[in-house]
Amino acid sequence: MAKKIDSLADPLTQLPARQAFEADWRLAVVGAGRAEMSVSVGMVDVDLFGKINAEQGREAADALLVSLGQRLVAAFPAPARLYRCGGDAFAVIWEGVEKEEAFLRLENFRRADPSPEAGVRISAGLAAFPDDGQEAGQVLQKACEALYRAKATGRNKSCLPREEKMTPKTSYYTQGQLMGLRRLAEREGISDAELLREALNELLLKHFA
């Protein structure tokens, strides 16, 4: 089992924050590869959270996130690991759990979640190593894309990844933008295409939340 790094908790929910999640996920994939086992990652997001925040206020929105975090922890006890990834996004890692089983757990939670907040719904996306990729970033990207698809196709559902055609970069970007992107990719140790997909997914989730 991958070793969890020490990290400051998210001050609102007291769950480990995004930095811990990303590091733990990379370690979990490395450990799963060595042990020749599966590791699944689920992404959970509150539907129409921006509207809730605008209409009910910051205090009510924060209380909703704390409540959801607590319900996730109760629904997915150790060895599952829960994180708040920022905003209204949460993540869960299941080591040694096949994709189909992890998806059923996530979907059962979504359907049966005893949310005390009337009308609040969630969407979720899930992917797994090695089914959806051989690298941690690739699998996480698939989970985020599955979450976006759940949002874009009606919300209040869970989705798995699907194969999508990739479109190469074109002249829509300036030379300066592409050079900056390349430098950032080299600094972060990932491909520029992966950086672009991550940024686009965050943009789409923001506007389809």
Protein backbone atom coordinates (compact mmCIF):
# COMPACT_ATOMS: atom_id res chain seq x y z
CA MET A 1 0.00 0.00 0.00
CA ALA A 2 1.29 3.42 -0.90
CA LYS A 3 2.50 5.54 1.98
CA LYS A 4 0.52 8.70 2.64
CA ILE A 5 2.52 11.89 2.98
CA ASP A 6 2.05 14.36 5.79
CA SER A 7 0.09 17.42 4.75
CA LEU A 8 -1.90 20.23 6.26
CA ALA A 9 -5.61 19.52 6.23
CA ASP A 10 -8.12 21.64 4.39
CA PRO A 11 -9.13 24.20 7.05
CA LEU A 12 -12.85 23.94 6.29
CA THR A 13 -13.47 20.18 6.10
CA GLN A 14 -10.32 18.98 7.89
CA LEU A 15 -9.75 16.51 5.06
CA PRO A 16 -6.35 16.31 3.35
CA ALA A 17 -6.11 18.97 0.66
CA ARG A 18 -5.36 18.81 -3.07
CA GLN A 19 -1.58 18.73 -2.75
CA ALA A 20 -1.78 15.64 -0.54
CA PHE A 21 -4.26 14.01 -2.92
CA GLU A 22 -2.06 14.48 -5.97
CA ALA A 23 1.01 13.14 -4.18
CA ASP A 24 -0.87 10.19 -2.66
CA TRP A 25 -2.43 9.34 -6.00
CA ARG A 26 0.94 9.19 -7.73
CA LEU A 27 2.30 6.94 -4.97
CA ALA A 28 -0.81 4.75 -5.12
CA VAL A 29 -0.38 4.21 -8.87
CA VAL A 30 3.30 3.36 -8.45
CA GLY A 31 2.42 0.88 -5.68
CA ALA A 32 -0.37 -0.64 -7.74
CA GLY A 33 1.96 -1.10 -10.70
CA ARG A 34 4.53 -2.91 -8.58
CA ALA A 35 1.90 -5.12 -6.96
CA GLU A 36 0.07 -5.69 -10.26
CA MET A 37 -3.24 -4.60 -8.78
CA SER A 38 -5.88 -1.97 -9.49
CA VAL A 39 -6.29 1.42 -7.86
CA SER A 40 -9.39 3.54 -8.50
CA VAL A 41 -10.00 7.25 -8.11
CA GLY A 42 -13.38 8.95 -7.84
CA MET A 43 -14.11 12.66 -8.22
CA VAL A 44 -17.24 14.10 -6.55
CA ASP A 45 -18.65 17.57 -7.19
CA VAL A 46 -21.75 19.43 -5.94
CA ASP A 47 -24.19 20.28 -8.73
CA LEU A 48 -24.90 24.00 -9.21
CA PHE A 49 -22.71 24.93 -6.27
CA GLY A 50 -22.15 28.44 -7.59
CA LYS A 51 -25.90 29.04 -7.56
CA ILE A 52 -26.17 27.69 -4.02
CA ASN A 53 -23.35 29.98 -2.90
CA ALA A 54 -24.94 33.01 -4.57
CA GLU A 55 -28.47 32.39 -3.31
CA GLN A 56 -27.82 31.02 0.18
CA GLY A 57 -24.54 32.72 1.06
CA ARG A 58 -21.02 31.65 1.89
CA GLU A 59 -21.85 30.34 5.36
CA ALA A 60 -24.53 27.96 4.07
CA ALA A 61 -22.31 26.84 1.19
CA ASP A 62 -19.43 26.10 3.57
CA ALA A 63 -21.75 24.15 5.86
CA LEU A 64 -22.87 22.07 2.87
CA LEU A 65 -19.25 21.20 2.03
CA VAL A 66 -18.47 20.22 5.62
CA SER A 67 -21.57 18.03 5.70
CA LEU A 68 -20.74 16.36 2.39
CA GLY A 69 -17.17 15.70 3.49
CA GLN A 70 -18.42 14.03 6.66
CA ARG A 71 -20.87 11.86 4.74
CA LEU A 72 -18.17 10.80 2.30
CA VAL A 73 -15.86 9.78 5.15
CA ALA A 74 -18.68 7.79 6.76
CA ALA A 75 -19.60 6.11 3.48
CA PHE A 76 -16.02 5.24 2.46
CA PRO A 77 -14.05 4.30 5.59
CA ALA A 78 -10.37 3.31 5.59
CA PRO A 79 -8.58 1.95 3.69
CA ALA A 80 -10.35 4.32 1.28
CA ARG A 81 -8.90 7.84 1.49
CA LEU A 82 -10.87 11.08 1.13
CA TYR A 83 -9.65 14.53 0.09
CA ARG A 84 -11.02 17.98 -0.61
CA CYS A 85 -9.52 19.14 -3.89
CA GLY A 86 -10.67 22.75 -3.71
CA GLY A 87 -13.99 24.48 -4.27
CA ASP A 88 -16.77 21.91 -4.09
CA ALA A 89 -14.65 19.04 -5.43
CA PHE A 90 -13.77 15.95 -3.41
CA ALA A 91 -11.72 12.88 -4.31
CA VAL A 92 -11.53 9.32 -3.04
CA ILE A 93 -8.81 6.72 -3.62
CA TRP A 94 -9.45 2.98 -3.40
CA GLU A 95 -6.30 0.85 -3.54
CA GLY A 96 -6.76 -2.76 -4.64
CA VAL A 97 -10.33 -2.09 -5.81
CA GLU A 98 -11.34 -2.82 -9.42
CA LYS A 99 -13.01 -0.05 -11.44
CA GLU A 100 -16.44 -1.73 -11.57
CA GLU A 101 -16.56 -2.23 -7.80
CA ALA A 102 -15.39 1.33 -7.09
CA PHE A 103 -17.98 2.71 -9.51
CA LEU A 104 -20.77 0.79 -7.77
CA ARG A 105 -19.65 2.17 -4.41
CA LEU A 106 -19.61 5.72 -5.75
CA GLU A 107 -22.95 5.43 -7.53
CA ASN A 108 -24.60 3.80 -4.50
CA PHE A 109 -23.44 6.73 -2.39
CA ARG A 110 -24.76 9.24 -4.91
CA ARG A 111 -28.16 7.55 -5.01
CA ALA A 112 -28.54 6.92 -1.30
CA ASP A 113 -26.71 9.97 0.10
CA PRO A 114 -28.91 11.16 2.99
CA SER A 115 -28.26 14.82 2.25
CA PRO A 116 -29.89 17.10 4.82
CA GLU A 117 -29.81 19.98 2.35
CA ALA A 118 -33.05 19.88 0.37
CA GLY A 119 -32.52 19.70 -3.38
CA VAL A 120 -28.72 19.37 -3.27
CA ARG A 121 -27.37 16.83 -5.76
CA ILE A 122 -23.90 15.59 -6.68
CA SER A 123 -22.17 14.31 -9.80
CA ALA A 124 -19.20 11.95 -9.92
CA GLY A 125 -16.59 10.56 -12.28
CA LEU A 126 -14.36 7.54 -11.80
CA ALA A 127 -11.33 5.98 -13.47
CA ALA A 128 -8.82 3.28 -12.55
CA PHE A 129 -5.26 2.15 -13.09
CA PRO A 130 -4.36 0.23 -15.20
CA ASP A 131 -7.70 0.11 -17.08
CA ASP A 132 -7.69 3.79 -18.04
CA GLY A 133 -3.99 4.48 -18.39
CA GLN A 134 -0.48 3.59 -17.31
CA GLU A 135 0.36 6.94 -15.69
CA ALA A 136 -1.17 8.66 -12.67
CA GLY A 137 -1.86 11.89 -14.53
CA GLN A 138 -3.51 10.10 -17.41
CA VAL A 139 -5.89 8.15 -15.16
CA LEU A 140 -6.75 11.23 -13.10
CA GLN A 141 -7.47 13.12 -16.31
CA LYS A 142 -9.90 10.36 -17.31
CA ALA A 143 -11.68 10.66 -13.94
CA CYS A 144 -12.01 14.43 -14.39
CA GLU A 145 -13.32 13.98 -17.93
CA ALA A 146 -15.89 11.47 -16.64
CA LEU A 147 -17.00 13.99 -14.02
CA TYR A 148 -17.31 16.70 -16.66
CA ARG A 149 -19.42 14.38 -18.84
CA ALA A 150 -21.73 13.70 -15.89
CA LYS A 151 -22.17 17.47 -15.50
CA ALA A 152 -22.59 18.19 -19.20
CA THR A 153 -25.17 15.44 -19.77
CA GLY A 154 -27.61 16.44 -17.06
CA ARG A 155 -25.86 16.32 -13.66
CA ASN A 156 -26.94 14.15 -10.72
CA LYS A 157 -25.19 11.06 -12.11
CA SER A 158 -21.92 9.11 -12.06
CA CYS A 159 -19.90 8.44 -15.22
CA LEU A 160 -16.98 6.28 -16.31
CA PRO A 161 -14.39 7.37 -18.88
CA ARG A 162 -14.90 6.84 -22.56
CA GLU A 163 -12.45 7.08 -25.39
CA GLU A 164 -12.49 10.50 -27.04
CA LYS A 165 -10.78 11.68 -30.20
CA MET A 166 -7.97 14.13 -29.56
CA THR A 167 -7.70 17.29 -31.64
CA PRO A 168 -4.18 18.66 -32.13
CA LYS A 169 -3.29 22.22 -31.16
CA THR A 170 -3.78 24.73 -33.98
CA SER A 171 -3.15 28.41 -34.66
CA TYR A 172 -5.75 29.32 -32.02
CA TYR A 173 -2.78 29.87 -29.68
CA THR A 174 -0.15 32.55 -30.05
CA GLN A 175 3.51 31.65 -30.28
CA GLY A 176 4.10 33.31 -26.92
CA GLN A 177 1.36 31.25 -25.29
CA LEU A 178 2.79 28.02 -26.69
CA MET A 179 6.31 28.89 -25.52
CA GLY A 180 5.01 29.70 -22.03
CA LEU A 181 3.05 26.45 -22.01
CA ARG A 182 6.13 24.49 -23.00
CA ARG A 183 8.21 26.06 -20.22
CA LEU A 184 5.50 25.34 -17.66
CA ALA A 185 5.21 21.73 -18.85
CA GLU A 186 8.96 21.25 -18.51
CA ARG A 187 8.92 22.75 -15.01
CA GLU A 188 6.03 20.52 -13.89
CA GLY A 189 7.41 17.42 -15.60
CA ILE A 190 4.26 16.71 -17.65
CA SER A 191 3.25 17.20 -21.27
CA ASP A 192 1.87 20.48 -22.57
CA ALA A 193 -1.19 18.59 -23.89
CA GLU A 194 -1.92 17.32 -20.39
CA LEU A 195 -1.68 20.88 -19.01
CA LEU A 196 -4.10 22.14 -21.67
CA ARG A 197 -6.61 19.35 -20.98
CA GLU A 198 -6.44 20.04 -17.25
CA ALA A 199 -7.03 23.77 -17.74
CA LEU A 200 -9.89 23.17 -20.18
CA ASN A 201 -11.57 20.67 -17.84
CA GLU A 202 -11.44 23.16 -14.97
CA LEU A 203 -12.96 25.84 -17.20
CA LEU A 204 -15.75 23.54 -18.36
CA LEU A 205 -16.51 22.35 -14.83
CA LYS A 206 -16.72 25.96 -13.67
CA HIS A 207 -19.34 26.85 -16.25
CA PHE A 208 -21.26 23.56 -16.23
CA ALA A 209 -21.24 23.12 -12.42
